[in-house]
Amino acid sequence: MFRIGDFSRLSRVSVRALRLYDEMGLFKPVHVDATSGYRYYSAEQLTRLNQIVAFKDLGFSLEQIADLLNDNIPSDEIRGMLRLKQAEAQQLIQGEQKRLRQIEARLQQIEKSGNDAVDNVVLKRVEAQTIVAIRDVLPVCTDVKHLHAELDEVLLKQDIESVGFSQTLWHDSEYRLDTIDTEAIVPVNKTITDNERIHSYLLPEVEQMACIIHHGSYDTIVQALNTLLCWIEANSYQIAGVNREIYLQPKITDKDFFENIKHTVIEVQLPVLNS
């Protein structure tokens, strides 16, 4: 028999781990001296200890390992636990591969721009929102300010408080110079009395929304959209809905909103799905 120190050195398992396995009943010594309390182990126990180490390296918890080493556990259950662990490992690999693609995409952006001042694309979950909305077909996109002005007037008359920034949903499936299907929305604290033009409803949650902050003239917002599209392609996502604009500064109803060159701040959003 071997004392715990010698057995630890030969098996390459720490004394601390051996004591823990003993306390759990997972791997007990063949003998414990009644006087000194010393633990003694046999070479015949190495097979079970190696099994414990092997399962631990596969990512199983000690509780799971105890179940796996139970003589009464069916082989089908063992295979099921191993397949589950295999699936978990594959998921981790896929997550790291996705992270690697994101890093590569960022490096490419930096190389193209010649510096590290690259617009940041963020992937986030957008919660469901109770909104007031008006949807119309507009002659030009800048007429959206009139829809937002109409919304503001309705909220004022019905004494309803907005709880977020004004937003626009662009519903056309392609770029259009005219007859643009546009929806102006405002998050609110309660629903309104609908009419033929104004409606309130729950805008659904979006699990994955690719977002970028655009600074500067509204005329150059296409640059933010281009950055989003490049990021989506580089990271193997697919567009899963209409793009949104959230007007952070100034209010879209301000008279100089579309002429403001320096101080306009807009968050551009696109819902995405994994490819």
Protein backbone atom coordinates (compact mmCIF):
# COMPACT_ATOMS: atom_id res chain seq x y z
CA MET A 1 0.00 0.00 0.00
CA PHE A 2 1.04 3.60 -0.56
CA ARG A 3 0.69 6.56 1.77
CA ILE A 4 -1.32 9.42 0.32
CA GLY A 5 1.75 11.52 -0.52
CA ASP A 6 3.44 8.74 -2.48
CA PHE A 7 0.19 7.79 -4.22
CA SER A 8 -0.36 11.45 -5.15
CA ARG A 9 3.11 11.74 -6.68
CA LEU A 10 2.81 8.50 -8.65
CA SER A 11 -0.74 9.12 -9.89
CA ARG A 12 -0.16 12.86 -10.52
CA VAL A 13 -3.31 13.75 -8.60
CA SER A 14 -2.93 16.26 -5.76
CA VAL A 15 -3.32 15.28 -2.12
CA ARG A 16 -6.01 17.92 -1.82
CA ALA A 17 -8.00 16.30 -4.65
CA LEU A 18 -7.61 12.83 -3.15
CA ARG A 19 -8.93 14.07 0.18
CA LEU A 20 -11.88 15.74 -1.55
CA TYR A 21 -12.69 12.55 -3.48
CA ASP A 22 -12.59 10.64 -0.20
CA GLU A 23 -14.95 13.09 1.52
CA MET A 24 -17.40 12.79 -1.39
CA GLY A 25 -17.21 9.00 -1.36
CA LEU A 26 -16.02 9.12 -4.96
CA PHE A 27 -12.58 7.56 -4.36
CA LYS A 28 -11.82 6.21 -0.92
CA PRO A 29 -8.49 4.84 0.35
CA VAL A 30 -8.23 1.09 0.92
CA HIS A 31 -7.17 1.73 4.50
CA VAL A 32 -7.18 4.58 7.03
CA ASP A 33 -4.94 4.17 10.08
CA ALA A 34 -7.15 4.40 13.15
CA THR A 35 -4.40 6.05 15.21
CA SER A 36 -2.72 8.47 12.81
CA GLY A 37 -5.56 8.97 10.33
CA TYR A 38 -3.14 8.37 7.46
CA ARG A 39 -4.77 7.30 4.21
CA TYR A 40 -3.33 4.37 2.27
CA TYR A 41 -4.00 3.46 -1.35
CA SER A 42 -3.40 0.45 -3.58
CA ALA A 43 -2.02 0.34 -7.12
CA GLU A 44 -5.18 -1.54 -8.10
CA GLN A 45 -7.11 1.70 -7.50
CA LEU A 46 -5.32 3.52 -10.31
CA THR A 47 -7.86 2.31 -12.88
CA ARG A 48 -10.76 4.03 -11.10
CA LEU A 49 -8.69 7.15 -10.39
CA ASN A 50 -7.71 7.38 -14.06
CA GLN A 51 -11.39 7.16 -15.00
CA ILE A 52 -12.17 10.04 -12.65
CA VAL A 53 -9.37 12.14 -14.15
CA ALA A 54 -10.48 11.30 -17.70
CA PHE A 55 -14.10 12.29 -17.07
CA LYS A 56 -12.96 15.44 -15.26
CA ASP A 57 -10.87 16.42 -18.29
CA LEU A 58 -14.02 16.02 -20.41
CA GLY A 59 -15.69 18.70 -18.31
CA PHE A 60 -17.92 16.57 -16.07
CA SER A 61 -18.56 17.69 -12.50
CA LEU A 62 -17.55 15.40 -9.65
CA GLU A 63 -21.23 14.69 -8.97
CA GLN A 64 -21.71 13.64 -12.59
CA ILE A 65 -18.58 11.51 -12.44
CA ALA A 66 -19.94 9.73 -9.38
CA ASP A 67 -23.04 8.85 -11.41
CA LEU A 68 -20.97 7.74 -14.39
CA LEU A 69 -18.88 5.39 -12.25
CA ASN A 70 -21.89 3.85 -10.56
CA ASP A 71 -21.89 0.17 -11.47
CA ASN A 72 -25.66 0.20 -11.86
CA ILE A 73 -25.92 3.05 -14.34
CA PRO A 74 -27.14 1.79 -17.77
CA SER A 75 -24.73 2.13 -20.69
CA ASP A 76 -27.37 4.05 -22.64
CA GLU A 77 -27.41 6.70 -19.92
CA ILE A 78 -23.62 6.95 -20.01
CA ARG A 79 -23.72 7.42 -23.78
CA GLY A 80 -26.42 10.05 -23.35
CA MET A 81 -24.32 12.02 -20.86
CA LEU A 82 -21.31 11.82 -23.15
CA ARG A 83 -23.34 13.01 -26.15
CA LEU A 84 -24.67 15.93 -24.10
CA LYS A 85 -21.13 16.88 -23.12
CA GLN A 86 -20.11 16.55 -26.76
CA ALA A 87 -22.88 18.95 -27.78
CA GLU A 88 -21.80 21.43 -25.09
CA ALA A 89 -18.22 21.28 -26.35
CA GLN A 90 -19.34 21.83 -29.94
CA GLN A 91 -21.38 24.83 -28.85
CA LEU A 92 -18.35 26.32 -27.10
CA ILE A 93 -16.25 25.77 -30.21
CA GLN A 94 -18.85 27.47 -32.39
CA GLY A 95 -18.96 30.40 -29.97
CA GLU A 96 -15.20 30.82 -30.10
CA GLN A 97 -15.19 30.49 -33.90
CA LYS A 98 -17.79 33.26 -34.06
CA ARG A 99 -15.62 35.40 -31.77
CA LEU A 100 -12.64 34.72 -34.04
CA ARG A 101 -14.62 35.86 -37.10
CA GLN A 102 -15.58 39.06 -35.27
CA ILE A 103 -11.94 39.75 -34.41
CA GLU A 104 -10.91 39.14 -38.03
CA ALA A 105 -13.68 41.46 -39.25
CA ARG A 106 -12.55 44.19 -36.86
CA LEU A 107 -8.94 43.82 -38.04
CA GLN A 108 -10.07 44.15 -41.65
CA GLN A 109 -12.03 47.31 -40.78
CA ILE A 110 -8.97 48.81 -39.10
CA GLU A 111 -6.74 47.94 -42.05
CA LYS A 112 -9.19 49.49 -44.51
CA SER A 113 -9.57 52.69 -42.50
CA GLY A 114 -5.85 53.00 -41.81
CA ASN A 115 -6.39 53.53 -38.07
CA ASP A 116 -8.24 52.11 -35.09
CA ALA A 117 -11.06 54.68 -35.15
CA VAL A 118 -13.63 52.18 -36.39
CA ASP A 119 -17.34 52.54 -35.82
CA ASN A 120 -18.46 50.09 -33.16
CA VAL A 121 -21.21 47.64 -34.10
CA VAL A 122 -22.94 46.18 -31.05
CA LEU A 123 -25.15 43.10 -31.00
CA LYS A 124 -27.85 43.36 -28.33
CA ARG A 125 -31.33 42.25 -27.35
CA VAL A 126 -34.06 44.86 -27.74
CA GLU A 127 -36.99 44.39 -25.40
CA ALA A 128 -40.61 44.61 -26.49
CA GLN A 129 -42.02 48.13 -26.37
CA THR A 130 -45.51 49.58 -26.16
CA ILE A 131 -45.58 52.17 -28.92
CA VAL A 132 -47.78 54.68 -30.67
CA ALA A 133 -47.33 54.54 -34.43
CA ILE A 134 -48.38 56.13 -37.67
CA ARG A 135 -47.55 54.48 -40.98
CA ASP A 136 -47.77 56.13 -44.37
CA VAL A 137 -46.27 56.15 -47.87
CA LEU A 138 -44.14 59.28 -48.23
CA PRO A 139 -43.03 61.17 -51.33
CA VAL A 140 -39.51 61.63 -49.86
CA CYS A 141 -37.84 60.22 -46.76
CA THR A 142 -37.41 63.62 -45.07
CA ASP A 143 -41.21 63.90 -44.83
CA VAL A 144 -40.99 61.47 -41.93
CA LYS A 145 -40.61 64.52 -39.68
CA HIS A 146 -44.26 65.35 -40.41
CA LEU A 147 -45.35 61.92 -39.17
CA HIS A 148 -43.42 62.45 -35.94
CA ALA A 149 -44.92 65.91 -35.51
CA GLU A 150 -48.39 64.36 -35.91
CA LEU A 151 -47.54 61.75 -33.26
CA ASP A 152 -46.32 64.40 -30.83
CA GLU A 153 -49.56 66.30 -31.24
CA VAL A 154 -51.66 63.20 -30.50
CA LEU A 155 -49.63 62.38 -27.38
CA LEU A 156 -50.04 65.94 -26.14
CA LYS A 157 -53.80 65.94 -26.68
CA GLN A 158 -54.30 62.57 -24.95
CA ASP A 159 -51.87 63.43 -22.13
CA ILE A 160 -49.69 60.39 -22.85
CA GLU A 161 -46.03 60.42 -21.85
CA SER A 162 -43.32 59.17 -24.16
CA VAL A 163 -40.80 56.89 -22.43
CA GLY A 164 -38.12 56.82 -25.09
CA PHE A 165 -36.74 58.43 -28.20
CA SER A 166 -38.68 58.82 -31.44
CA GLN A 167 -37.95 56.06 -33.96
CA THR A 168 -38.61 55.27 -37.60
CA LEU A 169 -39.13 51.87 -39.20
CA TRP A 170 -38.37 51.72 -42.92
CA HIS A 171 -40.55 48.95 -44.35
CA ASP A 172 -39.56 48.88 -48.03
CA SER A 173 -37.65 45.76 -49.08
CA GLU A 174 -35.45 47.85 -51.40
CA TYR A 175 -34.14 51.40 -51.63
CA ARG A 176 -36.71 53.84 -53.03
CA LEU A 177 -36.46 57.50 -53.96
CA ASP A 178 -40.21 58.03 -53.60
CA THR A 179 -43.39 56.29 -52.39
CA ILE A 180 -41.49 55.19 -49.29
CA ASP A 181 -43.31 52.91 -46.82
CA THR A 182 -42.51 54.54 -43.50
CA GLU A 183 -43.64 54.08 -39.90
CA ALA A 184 -42.97 56.67 -37.22
CA ILE A 185 -43.16 55.32 -33.66
CA VAL A 186 -42.76 56.55 -30.10
CA PRO A 187 -42.46 54.33 -26.99
CA VAL A 188 -45.18 55.26 -24.48
CA ASN A 189 -46.28 54.40 -20.94
CA LYS A 190 -49.81 53.38 -21.97
CA THR A 191 -51.87 52.70 -25.07
CA ILE A 192 -53.92 55.38 -26.80
CA THR A 193 -57.33 55.59 -28.39
CA ASP A 194 -56.70 54.45 -31.98
CA ASN A 195 -58.05 56.18 -35.03
CA GLU A 196 -57.64 55.69 -38.77
CA ARG A 197 -54.07 57.04 -38.71
CA ILE A 198 -52.72 56.48 -35.23
CA HIS A 199 -52.37 53.06 -33.62
CA SER A 200 -50.77 51.68 -30.49
CA TYR A 201 -49.41 48.15 -30.16
CA LEU A 202 -46.63 46.08 -28.63
CA LEU A 203 -43.54 46.17 -30.82
CA PRO A 204 -42.07 42.65 -30.41
CA GLU A 205 -38.77 41.87 -28.76
CA VAL A 206 -35.76 41.38 -31.02
CA GLU A 207 -33.35 38.78 -29.69
CA GLN A 208 -30.40 39.93 -31.83
CA MET A 209 -30.19 43.53 -33.05
CA ALA A 210 -27.05 44.81 -34.77
CA CYS A 211 -26.65 48.47 -33.81
CA ILE A 212 -24.36 51.37 -34.65
CA ILE A 213 -24.31 55.02 -33.58
CA HIS A 214 -24.14 57.55 -36.42
CA HIS A 215 -22.75 61.02 -35.72
CA GLY A 216 -23.13 63.87 -38.16
CA SER A 217 -25.32 64.82 -41.07
CA TYR A 218 -28.39 62.75 -41.87
CA ASP A 219 -27.22 62.82 -45.49
CA THR A 220 -24.32 60.53 -44.54
CA ILE A 221 -26.33 57.96 -42.58
CA VAL A 222 -25.79 55.55 -45.48
CA GLN A 223 -22.22 55.17 -44.17
CA ALA A 224 -23.57 53.69 -40.94
CA LEU A 225 -25.80 51.33 -42.93
CA ASN A 226 -22.83 50.25 -45.05
CA THR A 227 -20.79 49.53 -41.92
CA LEU A 228 -23.67 47.47 -40.52
CA LEU A 229 -24.04 45.48 -43.73
CA CYS A 230 -20.30 44.73 -43.88
CA TRP A 231 -20.32 43.63 -40.24
CA ILE A 232 -23.36 41.40 -40.77
CA GLU A 233 -21.73 39.70 -43.75
CA ALA A 234 -18.34 39.33 -42.07
CA ASN A 235 -19.90 37.74 -38.98
CA SER A 236 -22.17 35.36 -40.94
CA TYR A 237 -25.52 36.83 -39.91
CA GLN A 238 -28.66 37.31 -41.97
CA ILE A 239 -30.94 40.36 -41.94
CA ALA A 240 -34.21 39.39 -40.24
CA GLY A 241 -36.40 42.49 -40.49
CA VAL A 242 -36.64 46.18 -41.29
CA ASN A 243 -34.05 48.72 -40.24
CA ARG A 244 -34.78 51.22 -37.50
CA GLU A 245 -33.53 54.68 -36.75
CA ILE A 246 -33.60 56.05 -33.20
CA TYR A 247 -33.15 59.81 -32.98
CA LEU A 248 -31.00 60.50 -29.93
CA GLN A 249 -30.09 64.11 -30.70
CA PRO A 250 -31.76 66.42 -31.60
CA LYS A 251 -35.50 65.65 -31.86
CA ILE A 252 -36.45 64.75 -35.41
CA THR A 253 -39.18 67.39 -35.29
CA ASP A 254 -36.61 70.17 -34.74
CA LYS A 255 -36.63 72.49 -37.71
CA ASP A 256 -32.91 72.08 -38.44
CA PHE A 257 -32.75 68.29 -37.94
CA PHE A 258 -32.00 67.42 -41.57
CA GLU A 259 -29.71 70.44 -42.04
CA ASN A 260 -27.69 69.76 -38.89
CA ILE A 261 -24.24 68.70 -40.01
CA LYS A 262 -22.29 68.17 -36.77
CA HIS A 263 -24.59 67.41 -33.87
CA THR A 264 -27.04 64.78 -35.13
CA VAL A 265 -26.80 61.46 -33.25
CA ILE A 266 -28.82 58.51 -34.57
CA GLU A 267 -28.74 54.86 -33.61
CA VAL A 268 -29.22 52.63 -36.65
CA GLN A 269 -30.49 49.11 -35.99
CA LEU A 270 -30.99 45.94 -38.04
CA PRO A 271 -32.46 42.71 -36.63
CA VAL A 272 -30.33 39.68 -37.53
CA LEU A 273 -30.31 35.90 -37.27
CA ASN A 274 -27.45 33.41 -37.26
CA SER A 275 -26.80 31.96 -40.69
